[in-house]
Amino acid sequence: MKVLISACLMGENVRYDGGHNRIYHDRLKELDLVFCCPEVDGGLPTPRIPSEIYHDRVMNQEEKDNSKYFEKGASIALSLVKEYDIKVAIMKAKSPSCGNEMIYDGTFTKTLKKGEGITASLLRKEGVKVFNEYQLEEAFACIFDK
């Protein structure tokens, strides 16, 4: 079974600050992973000015609306899901693209609120089970205990 995973979680330097959020877990080696970074895939550079969701728009810290890049990246991620018949995704927590439970509130004050990123929301609506890096055990149970 193929699993979609945020590229930053696999060590690719695609975060807004040019870094990554590499995670390590032995069970990841058992998965057939498809990497994606919706923000980069959608056309944003690395590094880039941080963005957060504010009133259903994705605004960067300089008040530029980056929604079109996030929507394009989400569409590309959905294309991968359909191409590879992916049912499970492991995405970056709190991200305006990939966050699946909590996201930053759009004030750039590190304040979290309940919500989903653009890609996570689209994938969930299409039936993909979306987990974050803090939910690996739940993700593995979903993948391996079928």
N, C-alpha and C. Protein backbone atom coordinates (compact mmCIF):
# COMPACT_ATOMS: atom_id res chain seq x y z
N MET A 1 0.84 -1.19 0.00
CA MET A 1 0.00 0.00 0.00
C MET A 1 0.88 1.25 0.00
N LYS A 2 0.59 2.14 -0.91
CA LYS A 2 1.32 3.41 -0.95
C LYS A 2 0.72 4.38 0.07
N VAL A 3 1.60 5.19 0.67
CA VAL A 3 1.19 6.18 1.66
C VAL A 3 1.79 7.52 1.26
N LEU A 4 0.95 8.55 1.24
CA LEU A 4 1.42 9.91 0.97
C LEU A 4 2.05 10.46 2.24
N ILE A 5 3.20 11.13 2.11
CA ILE A 5 3.86 11.70 3.28
C ILE A 5 4.44 13.08 2.92
N SER A 6 4.36 13.98 3.87
CA SER A 6 4.96 15.31 3.67
C SER A 6 6.46 15.15 3.48
N ALA A 7 6.98 15.76 2.44
CA ALA A 7 8.40 15.64 2.11
C ALA A 7 9.29 16.14 3.24
N CYS A 8 8.86 17.17 3.97
CA CYS A 8 9.68 17.69 5.07
C CYS A 8 9.88 16.65 6.16
N LEU A 9 8.89 15.75 6.34
CA LEU A 9 9.01 14.71 7.36
C LEU A 9 10.03 13.65 6.98
N MET A 10 10.39 13.62 5.71
CA MET A 10 11.38 12.65 5.23
C MET A 10 12.75 13.29 5.03
N GLY A 11 12.91 14.51 5.52
CA GLY A 11 14.22 15.15 5.50
C GLY A 11 14.48 16.08 4.34
N GLU A 12 13.49 16.28 3.47
CA GLU A 12 13.69 17.22 2.36
C GLU A 12 13.57 18.65 2.88
N ASN A 13 14.48 19.50 2.46
CA ASN A 13 14.52 20.89 2.92
C ASN A 13 13.51 21.74 2.16
N VAL A 14 12.25 21.56 2.50
CA VAL A 14 11.16 22.26 1.82
C VAL A 14 10.33 23.14 2.75
N ARG A 15 10.68 23.19 4.03
CA ARG A 15 9.93 24.05 4.96
C ARG A 15 10.06 25.51 4.56
N TYR A 16 9.18 26.33 5.09
CA TYR A 16 9.22 27.77 4.77
C TYR A 16 10.58 28.39 5.08
N ASP A 17 11.27 27.86 6.10
CA ASP A 17 12.57 28.42 6.49
C ASP A 17 13.75 27.72 5.83
N GLY A 18 13.46 26.84 4.90
CA GLY A 18 14.51 26.11 4.18
C GLY A 18 14.96 24.84 4.86
N GLY A 19 14.38 24.53 6.00
CA GLY A 19 14.75 23.33 6.75
C GLY A 19 13.79 22.17 6.50
N HIS A 20 13.83 21.22 7.43
CA HIS A 20 12.97 20.03 7.35
C HIS A 20 12.52 19.65 8.75
N ASN A 21 11.67 18.65 8.84
CA ASN A 21 11.16 18.12 10.11
C ASN A 21 11.33 16.60 10.12
N ARG A 22 12.48 16.13 9.74
CA ARG A 22 12.74 14.69 9.60
C ARG A 22 12.26 13.91 10.81
N ILE A 23 11.52 12.86 10.54
CA ILE A 23 11.08 11.94 11.60
C ILE A 23 11.75 10.60 11.38
N TYR A 24 11.92 9.89 12.46
CA TYR A 24 12.54 8.57 12.40
C TYR A 24 11.62 7.57 13.07
N HIS A 25 11.33 6.50 12.37
CA HIS A 25 10.54 5.40 12.92
C HIS A 25 10.82 4.19 12.04
N ASP A 26 11.17 3.07 12.67
CA ASP A 26 11.52 1.87 11.90
C ASP A 26 10.41 1.42 10.96
N ARG A 27 9.16 1.61 11.36
CA ARG A 27 8.05 1.13 10.53
C ARG A 27 7.91 1.93 9.23
N LEU A 28 8.46 3.13 9.19
CA LEU A 28 8.40 3.90 7.95
C LEU A 28 9.11 3.16 6.82
N LYS A 29 10.13 2.38 7.17
CA LYS A 29 10.88 1.62 6.17
C LYS A 29 10.02 0.55 5.50
N GLU A 30 8.92 0.17 6.16
CA GLU A 30 8.03 -0.87 5.64
C GLU A 30 7.00 -0.32 4.65
N LEU A 31 6.95 0.99 4.54
CA LEU A 31 5.92 1.62 3.72
C LEU A 31 6.44 1.98 2.33
N ASP A 32 5.55 1.99 1.39
CA ASP A 32 5.85 2.46 0.04
C ASP A 32 5.39 3.93 0.01
N LEU A 33 6.33 4.83 0.26
CA LEU A 33 6.01 6.24 0.47
C LEU A 33 6.05 7.06 -0.82
N VAL A 34 5.10 7.97 -0.92
CA VAL A 34 5.05 8.95 -2.00
C VAL A 34 5.20 10.31 -1.32
N PHE A 35 6.30 11.00 -1.61
CA PHE A 35 6.58 12.28 -0.98
C PHE A 35 5.84 13.41 -1.70
N CYS A 36 5.42 14.40 -0.93
CA CYS A 36 4.89 15.62 -1.53
C CYS A 36 5.10 16.80 -0.59
N CYS A 37 5.25 17.95 -1.16
CA CYS A 37 5.22 19.21 -0.41
C CYS A 37 4.25 20.11 -1.18
N PRO A 38 3.02 20.19 -0.72
CA PRO A 38 2.03 20.97 -1.46
C PRO A 38 2.43 22.43 -1.69
N GLU A 39 3.15 23.02 -0.76
CA GLU A 39 3.52 24.42 -0.91
C GLU A 39 4.53 24.60 -2.04
N VAL A 40 5.55 23.76 -2.06
CA VAL A 40 6.55 23.82 -3.14
C VAL A 40 5.91 23.35 -4.46
N ASP A 41 5.16 22.26 -4.39
CA ASP A 41 4.50 21.75 -5.60
C ASP A 41 3.55 22.78 -6.19
N GLY A 42 2.98 23.62 -5.33
CA GLY A 42 2.06 24.65 -5.78
C GLY A 42 2.75 25.88 -6.34
N GLY A 43 4.08 25.95 -6.24
CA GLY A 43 4.82 27.03 -6.86
C GLY A 43 5.53 27.99 -5.92
N LEU A 44 5.49 27.74 -4.61
CA LEU A 44 6.18 28.62 -3.67
C LEU A 44 7.65 28.22 -3.55
N PRO A 45 8.53 29.20 -3.34
CA PRO A 45 9.96 28.90 -3.21
C PRO A 45 10.32 28.41 -1.81
N THR A 46 11.53 27.90 -1.71
CA THR A 46 12.11 27.55 -0.41
C THR A 46 13.45 28.27 -0.33
N PRO A 47 13.69 29.06 0.70
CA PRO A 47 12.74 29.43 1.76
C PRO A 47 11.68 30.40 1.24
N ARG A 48 10.65 30.63 2.09
CA ARG A 48 9.56 31.53 1.72
C ARG A 48 9.05 32.23 2.98
N ILE A 49 8.33 33.30 2.78
CA ILE A 49 7.74 34.02 3.90
C ILE A 49 6.64 33.14 4.50
N PRO A 50 6.60 33.00 5.82
CA PRO A 50 5.59 32.13 6.46
C PRO A 50 4.16 32.55 6.08
N SER A 51 3.30 31.55 5.96
CA SER A 51 1.89 31.77 5.66
C SER A 51 1.03 31.09 6.72
N GLU A 52 -0.14 31.65 6.94
CA GLU A 52 -1.13 31.06 7.84
C GLU A 52 -2.51 31.28 7.24
N ILE A 53 -3.46 30.45 7.64
CA ILE A 53 -4.83 30.59 7.17
C ILE A 53 -5.55 31.62 8.04
N TYR A 54 -6.16 32.59 7.35
CA TYR A 54 -6.90 33.65 8.04
C TYR A 54 -8.18 33.91 7.25
N HIS A 55 -9.32 33.68 7.88
CA HIS A 55 -10.63 33.87 7.22
C HIS A 55 -10.68 33.14 5.87
N ASP A 56 -10.31 31.88 5.86
CA ASP A 56 -10.39 31.02 4.67
C ASP A 56 -9.46 31.43 3.53
N ARG A 57 -8.51 32.28 3.78
CA ARG A 57 -7.49 32.64 2.81
C ARG A 57 -6.13 32.30 3.42
N VAL A 58 -5.17 32.00 2.59
CA VAL A 58 -3.82 31.73 3.08
C VAL A 58 -2.99 32.98 2.81
N MET A 59 -2.67 33.67 3.89
CA MET A 59 -1.95 34.93 3.80
C MET A 59 -0.53 34.75 4.33
N ASN A 60 0.42 35.40 3.67
CA ASN A 60 1.77 35.34 4.22
C ASN A 60 1.95 36.49 5.21
N GLN A 61 3.08 36.48 5.87
CA GLN A 61 3.33 37.44 6.94
C GLN A 61 3.41 38.88 6.42
N GLU A 62 3.56 39.04 5.11
CA GLU A 62 3.58 40.38 4.51
C GLU A 62 2.21 40.73 3.91
N GLU A 63 1.18 39.97 4.29
CA GLU A 63 -0.21 40.19 3.89
C GLU A 63 -0.48 39.92 2.41
N LYS A 64 0.34 39.09 1.79
CA LYS A 64 0.08 38.67 0.41
C LYS A 64 -0.76 37.40 0.43
N ASP A 65 -1.78 37.36 -0.39
CA ASP A 65 -2.66 36.19 -0.46
C ASP A 65 -1.97 35.11 -1.30
N ASN A 66 -1.63 34.01 -0.64
CA ASN A 66 -0.97 32.88 -1.31
C ASN A 66 -1.92 31.71 -1.53
N SER A 67 -3.21 31.95 -1.40
CA SER A 67 -4.19 30.86 -1.49
C SER A 67 -4.05 30.06 -2.77
N LYS A 68 -3.81 30.72 -3.90
CA LYS A 68 -3.75 29.99 -5.18
C LYS A 68 -2.62 28.95 -5.18
N TYR A 69 -1.51 29.26 -4.53
CA TYR A 69 -0.40 28.30 -4.47
C TYR A 69 -0.77 27.10 -3.60
N PHE A 70 -1.44 27.37 -2.51
CA PHE A 70 -1.84 26.30 -1.60
C PHE A 70 -2.92 25.42 -2.25
N GLU A 71 -3.83 26.03 -2.97
CA GLU A 71 -4.89 25.27 -3.66
C GLU A 71 -4.29 24.43 -4.79
N LYS A 72 -3.34 24.98 -5.52
CA LYS A 72 -2.69 24.22 -6.59
C LYS A 72 -1.92 23.03 -6.00
N GLY A 73 -1.20 23.27 -4.90
CA GLY A 73 -0.46 22.18 -4.25
C GLY A 73 -1.39 21.09 -3.74
N ALA A 74 -2.52 21.49 -3.20
CA ALA A 74 -3.51 20.51 -2.72
C ALA A 74 -4.04 19.68 -3.89
N SER A 75 -4.28 20.33 -5.01
CA SER A 75 -4.75 19.63 -6.20
C SER A 75 -3.72 18.63 -6.71
N ILE A 76 -2.45 19.01 -6.66
CA ILE A 76 -1.37 18.09 -7.06
C ILE A 76 -1.30 16.90 -6.11
N ALA A 77 -1.43 17.15 -4.81
CA ALA A 77 -1.43 16.05 -3.84
C ALA A 77 -2.61 15.11 -4.11
N LEU A 78 -3.76 15.68 -4.41
CA LEU A 78 -4.93 14.84 -4.72
C LEU A 78 -4.68 14.02 -5.98
N SER A 79 -4.00 14.59 -6.95
CA SER A 79 -3.67 13.83 -8.17
C SER A 79 -2.79 12.62 -7.84
N LEU A 80 -1.83 12.81 -6.93
CA LEU A 80 -0.99 11.68 -6.50
C LEU A 80 -1.82 10.61 -5.81
N VAL A 81 -2.73 11.05 -4.96
CA VAL A 81 -3.62 10.12 -4.25
C VAL A 81 -4.41 9.28 -5.25
N LYS A 82 -4.94 9.92 -6.26
CA LYS A 82 -5.74 9.20 -7.26
C LYS A 82 -4.86 8.30 -8.13
N GLU A 83 -3.69 8.82 -8.53
CA GLU A 83 -2.79 8.04 -9.39
C GLU A 83 -2.34 6.76 -8.71
N TYR A 84 -2.03 6.83 -7.42
CA TYR A 84 -1.49 5.68 -6.70
C TYR A 84 -2.49 4.99 -5.78
N ASP A 85 -3.76 5.38 -5.86
CA ASP A 85 -4.82 4.80 -5.04
C ASP A 85 -4.44 4.83 -3.55
N ILE A 86 -4.03 5.99 -3.10
CA ILE A 86 -3.58 6.18 -1.72
C ILE A 86 -4.78 6.39 -0.80
N LYS A 87 -4.78 5.70 0.33
CA LYS A 87 -5.88 5.79 1.30
C LYS A 87 -5.45 6.44 2.60
N VAL A 88 -4.11 6.57 2.83
CA VAL A 88 -3.59 7.10 4.09
C VAL A 88 -2.50 8.11 3.77
N ALA A 89 -2.52 9.22 4.53
CA ALA A 89 -1.48 10.24 4.39
C ALA A 89 -0.92 10.58 5.77
N ILE A 90 0.38 10.79 5.84
CA ILE A 90 1.05 11.26 7.06
C ILE A 90 1.60 12.64 6.72
N MET A 91 1.01 13.65 7.33
CA MET A 91 1.30 15.03 6.95
C MET A 91 1.84 15.81 8.14
N LYS A 92 2.44 16.97 7.85
CA LYS A 92 3.06 17.82 8.87
C LYS A 92 2.00 18.52 9.72
N ALA A 93 2.07 18.29 11.01
CA ALA A 93 1.13 18.93 11.94
C ALA A 93 1.25 20.44 11.88
N LYS A 94 0.15 21.11 12.10
CA LYS A 94 0.04 22.57 12.24
C LYS A 94 0.29 23.36 10.97
N SER A 95 0.63 22.72 9.89
CA SER A 95 0.93 23.38 8.63
C SER A 95 -0.34 23.95 7.99
N PRO A 96 -0.23 25.12 7.33
CA PRO A 96 -1.40 25.65 6.61
C PRO A 96 -1.76 24.79 5.40
N SER A 97 -0.88 23.90 5.00
CA SER A 97 -1.20 22.93 3.95
C SER A 97 -1.62 21.61 4.54
N CYS A 98 -0.82 21.10 5.46
CA CYS A 98 -0.91 19.70 5.86
C CYS A 98 -1.49 19.44 7.25
N GLY A 99 -1.66 20.46 8.06
CA GLY A 99 -2.18 20.26 9.41
C GLY A 99 -3.53 19.56 9.37
N ASN A 100 -3.70 18.56 10.24
CA ASN A 100 -4.94 17.78 10.19
C ASN A 100 -5.84 17.98 11.41
N GLU A 101 -5.38 18.68 12.43
CA GLU A 101 -6.19 18.89 13.63
C GLU A 101 -6.14 20.33 14.12
N MET A 102 -4.93 20.87 14.14
CA MET A 102 -4.69 22.23 14.63
C MET A 102 -3.85 22.97 13.59
N ILE A 103 -4.15 24.26 13.44
CA ILE A 103 -3.36 25.12 12.56
C ILE A 103 -3.16 26.45 13.27
N TYR A 104 -2.20 27.22 12.80
CA TYR A 104 -1.99 28.55 13.36
C TYR A 104 -3.14 29.45 12.91
N ASP A 105 -3.48 30.41 13.76
CA ASP A 105 -4.73 31.18 13.60
C ASP A 105 -4.67 32.36 12.63
N GLY A 106 -3.55 32.60 11.99
CA GLY A 106 -3.47 33.67 11.01
C GLY A 106 -2.94 34.98 11.57
N THR A 107 -2.58 34.98 12.85
CA THR A 107 -2.08 36.22 13.48
C THR A 107 -0.56 36.24 13.58
N PHE A 108 0.08 35.13 13.22
CA PHE A 108 1.54 35.00 13.29
C PHE A 108 2.07 35.22 14.71
N THR A 109 1.28 34.75 15.70
CA THR A 109 1.65 34.85 17.12
C THR A 109 1.87 33.47 17.73
N LYS A 110 1.97 32.44 16.88
CA LYS A 110 2.12 31.04 17.30
C LYS A 110 0.89 30.53 18.05
N THR A 111 -0.24 31.18 17.83
CA THR A 111 -1.50 30.77 18.45
C THR A 111 -2.16 29.71 17.57
N LEU A 112 -2.47 28.58 18.17
CA LEU A 112 -3.11 27.49 17.44
C LEU A 112 -4.61 27.54 17.60
N LYS A 113 -5.30 27.02 16.58
CA LYS A 113 -6.75 26.85 16.66
C LYS A 113 -7.10 25.52 16.00
N LYS A 114 -8.26 25.00 16.33
CA LYS A 114 -8.73 23.78 15.71
C LYS A 114 -8.96 24.06 14.23
N GLY A 115 -8.47 23.17 13.39
CA GLY A 115 -8.67 23.35 11.96
C GLY A 115 -7.73 22.49 11.14
N GLU A 116 -7.91 22.55 9.84
CA GLU A 116 -7.11 21.75 8.91
C GLU A 116 -6.45 22.66 7.89
N GLY A 117 -5.31 22.20 7.39
CA GLY A 117 -4.67 22.86 6.27
C GLY A 117 -5.42 22.59 4.98
N ILE A 118 -5.07 23.31 3.96
CA ILE A 118 -5.76 23.23 2.66
C ILE A 118 -5.68 21.82 2.07
N THR A 119 -4.49 21.24 2.05
CA THR A 119 -4.32 19.89 1.48
C THR A 119 -4.97 18.84 2.35
N ALA A 120 -4.74 18.90 3.65
CA ALA A 120 -5.32 17.90 4.56
C ALA A 120 -6.84 17.89 4.43
N SER A 121 -7.44 19.05 4.35
CA SER A 121 -8.89 19.14 4.22
C SER A 121 -9.38 18.50 2.92
N LEU A 122 -8.73 18.83 1.82
CA LEU A 122 -9.12 18.28 0.52
C LEU A 122 -8.98 16.75 0.52
N LEU A 123 -7.86 16.26 1.03
CA LEU A 123 -7.64 14.81 1.04
C LEU A 123 -8.68 14.10 1.91
N ARG A 124 -8.96 14.67 3.08
CA ARG A 124 -9.96 14.06 3.97
C ARG A 124 -11.32 14.02 3.29
N LYS A 125 -11.69 15.09 2.62
CA LYS A 125 -12.99 15.14 1.91
C LYS A 125 -13.06 14.10 0.81
N GLU A 126 -11.90 13.70 0.29
CA GLU A 126 -11.84 12.67 -0.76
C GLU A 126 -11.70 11.26 -0.18
N GLY A 127 -11.78 11.15 1.14
CA GLY A 127 -11.77 9.83 1.77
C GLY A 127 -10.43 9.34 2.27
N VAL A 128 -9.39 10.17 2.18
CA VAL A 128 -8.07 9.78 2.67
C VAL A 128 -8.03 9.97 4.18
N LYS A 129 -7.47 9.01 4.89
CA LYS A 129 -7.27 9.16 6.33
C LYS A 129 -5.97 9.91 6.54
N VAL A 130 -6.06 11.09 7.14
CA VAL A 130 -4.90 11.96 7.29
C VAL A 130 -4.43 11.96 8.74
N PHE A 131 -3.17 11.64 8.93
CA PHE A 131 -2.52 11.62 10.23
C PHE A 131 -1.38 12.62 10.22
N ASN A 132 -0.88 12.98 11.40
CA ASN A 132 0.32 13.82 11.47
C ASN A 132 1.44 13.04 12.13
N GLU A 133 2.61 13.65 12.24
CA GLU A 133 3.79 12.94 12.75
C GLU A 133 3.67 12.53 14.21
N TYR A 134 2.70 13.09 14.92
CA TYR A 134 2.47 12.71 16.32
C TYR A 134 1.46 11.58 16.43
N GLN A 135 0.93 11.16 15.30
CA GLN A 135 -0.08 10.10 15.25
C GLN A 135 0.42 8.88 14.47
N LEU A 136 1.72 8.66 14.49
CA LEU A 136 2.27 7.55 13.71
C LEU A 136 1.70 6.20 14.10
N GLU A 137 1.56 5.96 15.39
CA GLU A 137 1.03 4.66 15.82
C GLU A 137 -0.38 4.45 15.30
N GLU A 138 -1.20 5.48 15.32
CA GLU A 138 -2.56 5.39 14.76
C GLU A 138 -2.50 5.13 13.27
N ALA A 139 -1.59 5.82 12.59
CA ALA A 139 -1.44 5.63 11.15
C ALA A 139 -1.02 4.19 10.84
N PHE A 140 -0.03 3.70 11.59
CA PHE A 140 0.43 2.32 11.35
C PHE A 140 -0.68 1.31 11.62
N ALA A 141 -1.46 1.55 12.65
CA ALA A 141 -2.59 0.65 12.94
C ALA A 141 -3.57 0.64 11.77
N CYS A 142 -3.82 1.79 11.21
CA CYS A 142 -4.72 1.90 10.07
C CYS A 142 -4.15 1.18 8.84
N ILE A 143 -2.86 1.28 8.66
CA ILE A 143 -2.20 0.70 7.48
C ILE A 143 -2.01 -0.81 7.62
N PHE A 144 -1.47 -1.24 8.76
CA PHE A 144 -1.05 -2.64 8.90
C PHE A 144 -2.10 -3.56 9.50
N ASP A 145 -3.09 -3.02 10.19
CA ASP A 145 -4.06 -3.86 10.88
C ASP A 145 -5.34 -4.06 10.07
N LYS A 146 -5.23 -3.95 8.76
CA LYS A 146 -6.42 -4.11 7.92
C LYS A 146 -6.74 -5.56 7.74
